[in-house]
Amino acid sequence: MRYVVLGCDLLLIGVFAVSATGKLRSRAVFLDFCDSVRKVLGTRPDRARQLAAAVVAFEVVTVPTLVFLPAVGFLVAMLLCVTFAVALGRAVRHAVREPCRCFGSSSAPLGWRHAARAATLSLIALAGEVGVLTGAVLTGPIWLPGPWHPGGISVAVGAAAILVALTVFYDDIADLFAGVGAGLPREPTREGI
């Protein structure tokens, strides 16, 4: 179980680090995120800026919290992701087609897949929290207590890295697979030659 908890921890650290970095990489990108928050939540521009700043602040704080206080970090990550899932679900229900700015600039309009991604991340945080609270990791940084096997660490790190990439490039991957059956030219088959 400790390697599952480690994998959950590393996955969430990676996702929140990329998310916060993506929103803070330039003033223009952050202002785009603020505008996206305004449209998604249907709020005033000044309120949207406050909410956007709060989101980024929580994402930034969540990363070291997941490293040094995983029980608290998983809880904060879970609450953030549930909040994101609810807000995105509400926006999709109200036909908001604003591009998702979860990881910086994106041209993909909001859809149920974005709410599902946030809900899935909240379940991963819940799994990590349960692992921590049930004794897989008792206190302090996740990597300190007990003996660790290099193979288990390698699998946890590798799986987390792959899942971070899949999460961050979720729109691109979904668009790629959506285009497969959407009338794109296909390779000729033997029968077609």
Protein backbone atom coordinates (compact mmCIF):
# COMPACT_ATOMS: atom_id res chain seq x y z
CA MET A 1 0.00 0.00 0.00
CA ARG A 2 2.88 2.36 0.71
CA TYR A 3 3.89 2.37 -2.96
CA VAL A 4 0.33 3.19 -4.00
CA VAL A 5 0.35 6.09 -1.53
CA LEU A 6 3.74 7.21 -2.88
CA GLY A 7 2.40 7.04 -6.45
CA CYS A 8 -0.70 9.06 -5.51
CA ASP A 9 1.49 11.62 -3.76
CA LEU A 10 3.89 12.01 -6.68
CA LEU A 11 1.03 12.19 -9.19
CA LEU A 12 -0.71 14.99 -7.31
CA ILE A 13 2.56 16.84 -6.70
CA GLY A 14 3.28 16.72 -10.43
CA VAL A 15 -0.22 17.76 -11.48
CA PHE A 16 -0.43 20.70 -9.08
CA ALA A 17 3.13 21.84 -9.86
CA VAL A 18 2.45 21.82 -13.61
CA SER A 19 -0.94 23.47 -13.11
CA ALA A 20 0.38 26.31 -10.97
CA THR A 21 3.42 26.82 -13.20
CA GLY A 22 1.21 26.86 -16.29
CA LYS A 23 -0.95 29.62 -14.83
CA LEU A 24 1.99 31.69 -13.54
CA ARG A 25 4.39 31.46 -16.46
CA SER A 26 3.43 34.95 -17.65
CA ARG A 27 1.14 37.81 -16.75
CA ALA A 28 -0.86 37.30 -19.96
CA VAL A 29 -1.48 33.62 -19.18
CA PHE A 30 -2.59 34.45 -15.65
CA LEU A 31 -4.96 37.15 -16.96
CA ASP A 32 -6.37 34.59 -19.44
CA PHE A 33 -6.95 32.28 -16.48
CA CYS A 34 -8.71 35.10 -14.59
CA ASP A 35 -10.95 35.73 -17.61
CA SER A 36 -11.69 32.01 -17.83
CA VAL A 37 -12.66 31.94 -14.14
CA ARG A 38 -14.95 34.92 -14.73
CA LYS A 39 -16.72 33.18 -17.62
CA VAL A 40 -16.89 29.75 -15.98
CA LEU A 41 -18.28 31.05 -12.70
CA GLY A 42 -20.23 33.98 -14.15
CA THR A 43 -18.73 36.44 -11.71
CA ARG A 44 -17.39 40.01 -11.80
CA PRO A 45 -13.83 40.58 -13.09
CA ASP A 46 -12.48 41.70 -9.68
CA ARG A 47 -14.00 38.67 -7.96
CA ALA A 48 -12.66 36.40 -10.70
CA ARG A 49 -9.13 37.75 -10.13
CA GLN A 50 -9.43 37.05 -6.40
CA LEU A 51 -10.70 33.52 -7.02
CA ALA A 52 -8.01 32.86 -9.64
CA ALA A 53 -5.30 34.05 -7.24
CA ALA A 54 -6.75 31.83 -4.49
CA VAL A 55 -6.76 28.80 -6.80
CA VAL A 56 -3.13 29.33 -7.77
CA ALA A 57 -2.12 29.96 -4.15
CA PHE A 58 -3.78 26.73 -3.02
CA GLU A 59 -2.12 24.81 -5.87
CA VAL A 60 1.29 26.22 -4.93
CA VAL A 61 0.81 25.46 -1.22
CA THR A 62 -0.48 21.95 -1.92
CA VAL A 63 2.81 20.82 -3.48
CA PRO A 64 5.08 21.17 -0.40
CA THR A 65 2.22 20.10 1.85
CA LEU A 66 1.97 16.82 -0.08
CA VAL A 67 5.72 16.39 0.34
CA PHE A 68 6.06 17.13 4.05
CA LEU A 69 2.57 16.57 5.52
CA PRO A 70 0.90 14.07 3.21
CA ALA A 71 -2.20 13.62 5.39
CA VAL A 72 -2.93 17.35 5.14
CA GLY A 73 -1.77 17.57 1.52
CA PHE A 74 -4.08 14.79 0.34
CA LEU A 75 -7.00 16.41 2.13
CA VAL A 76 -6.31 19.84 0.56
CA ALA A 77 -5.80 18.25 -2.88
CA MET A 78 -9.06 16.34 -2.54
CA LEU A 79 -11.01 19.44 -1.54
CA LEU A 80 -9.50 21.44 -4.41
CA CYS A 81 -10.28 18.75 -6.97
CA VAL A 82 -13.84 18.28 -5.72
CA THR A 83 -14.33 22.06 -5.94
CA PHE A 84 -12.95 22.05 -9.48
CA ALA A 85 -15.18 19.12 -10.49
CA VAL A 86 -18.31 20.81 -9.12
CA ALA A 87 -17.48 24.18 -10.71
CA LEU A 88 -16.66 22.60 -14.07
CA GLY A 89 -19.75 20.40 -13.97
CA ARG A 90 -21.92 23.41 -13.23
CA ALA A 91 -20.34 25.37 -16.08
CA VAL A 92 -20.86 22.51 -18.55
CA ARG A 93 -24.50 22.14 -17.45
CA HIS A 94 -24.97 25.86 -18.15
CA ALA A 95 -23.40 25.45 -21.62
CA VAL A 96 -20.28 27.50 -20.88
CA ARG A 97 -17.91 26.78 -23.78
CA GLU A 98 -14.92 28.70 -22.42
CA PRO A 99 -11.62 26.88 -23.06
CA CYS A 100 -10.28 25.01 -20.06
CA ARG A 101 -7.30 26.89 -18.59
CA CYS A 102 -6.43 24.21 -16.03
CA PHE A 103 -2.81 23.90 -17.18
CA GLY A 104 -2.33 27.28 -18.84
CA SER A 105 -3.40 28.11 -22.37
CA SER A 106 -5.72 25.69 -24.13
CA SER A 107 -8.19 25.95 -26.96
CA ALA A 108 -10.32 22.99 -25.86
CA PRO A 109 -13.77 24.11 -24.73
CA LEU A 110 -15.04 22.93 -21.35
CA GLY A 111 -16.67 19.55 -21.37
CA TRP A 112 -17.64 16.74 -19.07
CA ARG A 113 -14.18 15.25 -19.56
CA HIS A 114 -12.69 18.16 -17.58
CA ALA A 115 -15.08 17.61 -14.68
CA ALA A 116 -14.32 13.87 -14.86
CA ARG A 117 -10.57 14.57 -14.75
CA ALA A 118 -10.99 16.70 -11.61
CA ALA A 119 -13.25 14.06 -10.02
CA THR A 120 -10.70 11.34 -10.80
CA LEU A 121 -7.92 13.40 -9.21
CA SER A 122 -10.09 13.84 -6.11
CA LEU A 123 -10.48 10.04 -5.91
CA ILE A 124 -6.72 9.64 -6.20
CA ALA A 125 -6.28 12.12 -3.35
CA LEU A 126 -8.88 10.18 -1.34
CA ALA A 127 -6.97 6.93 -1.95
CA GLY A 128 -3.78 8.60 -0.73
CA GLU A 129 -5.54 9.99 2.34
CA VAL A 130 -6.97 6.57 3.21
CA GLY A 131 -3.53 5.03 2.76
CA VAL A 132 -1.95 7.58 5.07
CA LEU A 133 -4.65 7.33 7.72
CA THR A 134 -4.71 3.53 7.74
CA GLY A 135 -1.04 3.35 8.60
CA ALA A 136 0.74 2.97 5.27
CA VAL A 137 2.58 6.14 6.22
CA LEU A 138 2.26 7.33 9.78
CA THR A 139 3.89 10.74 10.01
CA GLY A 140 6.15 13.16 8.25
CA PRO A 141 7.40 12.94 4.68
CA ILE A 142 6.04 9.93 2.85
CA TRP A 143 9.44 8.52 1.98
CA LEU A 144 10.91 8.33 5.51
CA PRO A 145 9.17 5.59 7.53
CA GLY A 146 10.10 1.95 7.11
CA PRO A 147 12.13 0.02 4.57
CA TRP A 148 11.66 0.76 0.88
CA HIS A 149 12.30 -1.54 -2.07
CA PRO A 150 13.94 0.11 -5.10
CA GLY A 151 11.62 -1.77 -7.47
CA GLY A 152 8.53 -0.48 -5.69
CA ILE A 153 9.86 3.06 -5.76
CA SER A 154 10.67 2.77 -9.47
CA VAL A 155 7.17 1.54 -10.32
CA ALA A 156 5.53 4.29 -8.22
CA VAL A 157 7.69 7.03 -9.77
CA GLY A 158 7.23 5.70 -13.31
CA ALA A 159 3.47 5.29 -12.96
CA ALA A 160 3.15 8.78 -11.45
CA ALA A 161 5.20 10.33 -14.27
CA ILE A 162 3.06 8.65 -16.94
CA LEU A 163 -0.17 9.65 -15.21
CA VAL A 164 1.00 13.26 -14.80
CA ALA A 165 1.70 13.42 -18.54
CA LEU A 166 -1.68 11.85 -19.36
CA THR A 167 -3.43 14.32 -17.05
CA VAL A 168 -1.63 17.38 -18.36
CA PHE A 169 -2.06 16.41 -22.03
CA TYR A 170 -5.59 15.06 -21.50
CA ASP A 171 -7.19 17.45 -24.02
CA ASP A 172 -4.63 16.65 -26.71
CA ILE A 173 -5.03 12.89 -26.18
CA ALA A 174 -8.84 13.10 -26.13
CA ASP A 175 -8.82 15.19 -29.32
CA LEU A 176 -6.46 12.72 -30.97
CA PHE A 177 -8.76 9.78 -30.24
CA ALA A 178 -11.88 11.77 -31.06
CA GLY A 179 -10.45 12.36 -34.53
CA VAL A 180 -9.89 8.65 -35.22
CA GLY A 181 -13.47 7.94 -36.25
CA ALA A 182 -14.42 11.45 -37.32
CA GLY A 183 -14.00 11.07 -41.06
CA LEU A 184 -10.25 11.49 -41.20
CA PRO A 185 -8.57 9.74 -44.12
CA ARG A 186 -7.78 6.12 -43.35
CA GLU A 187 -5.02 3.91 -44.57
CA PRO A 188 -6.16 1.69 -47.44
CA THR A 189 -6.76 -1.94 -46.55
CA ARG A 190 -5.98 -4.95 -48.76
CA GLU A 191 -9.61 -5.07 -49.79
CA GLY A 192 -9.50 -1.39 -50.79
CA ILE A 193 -6.52 -1.77 -53.14
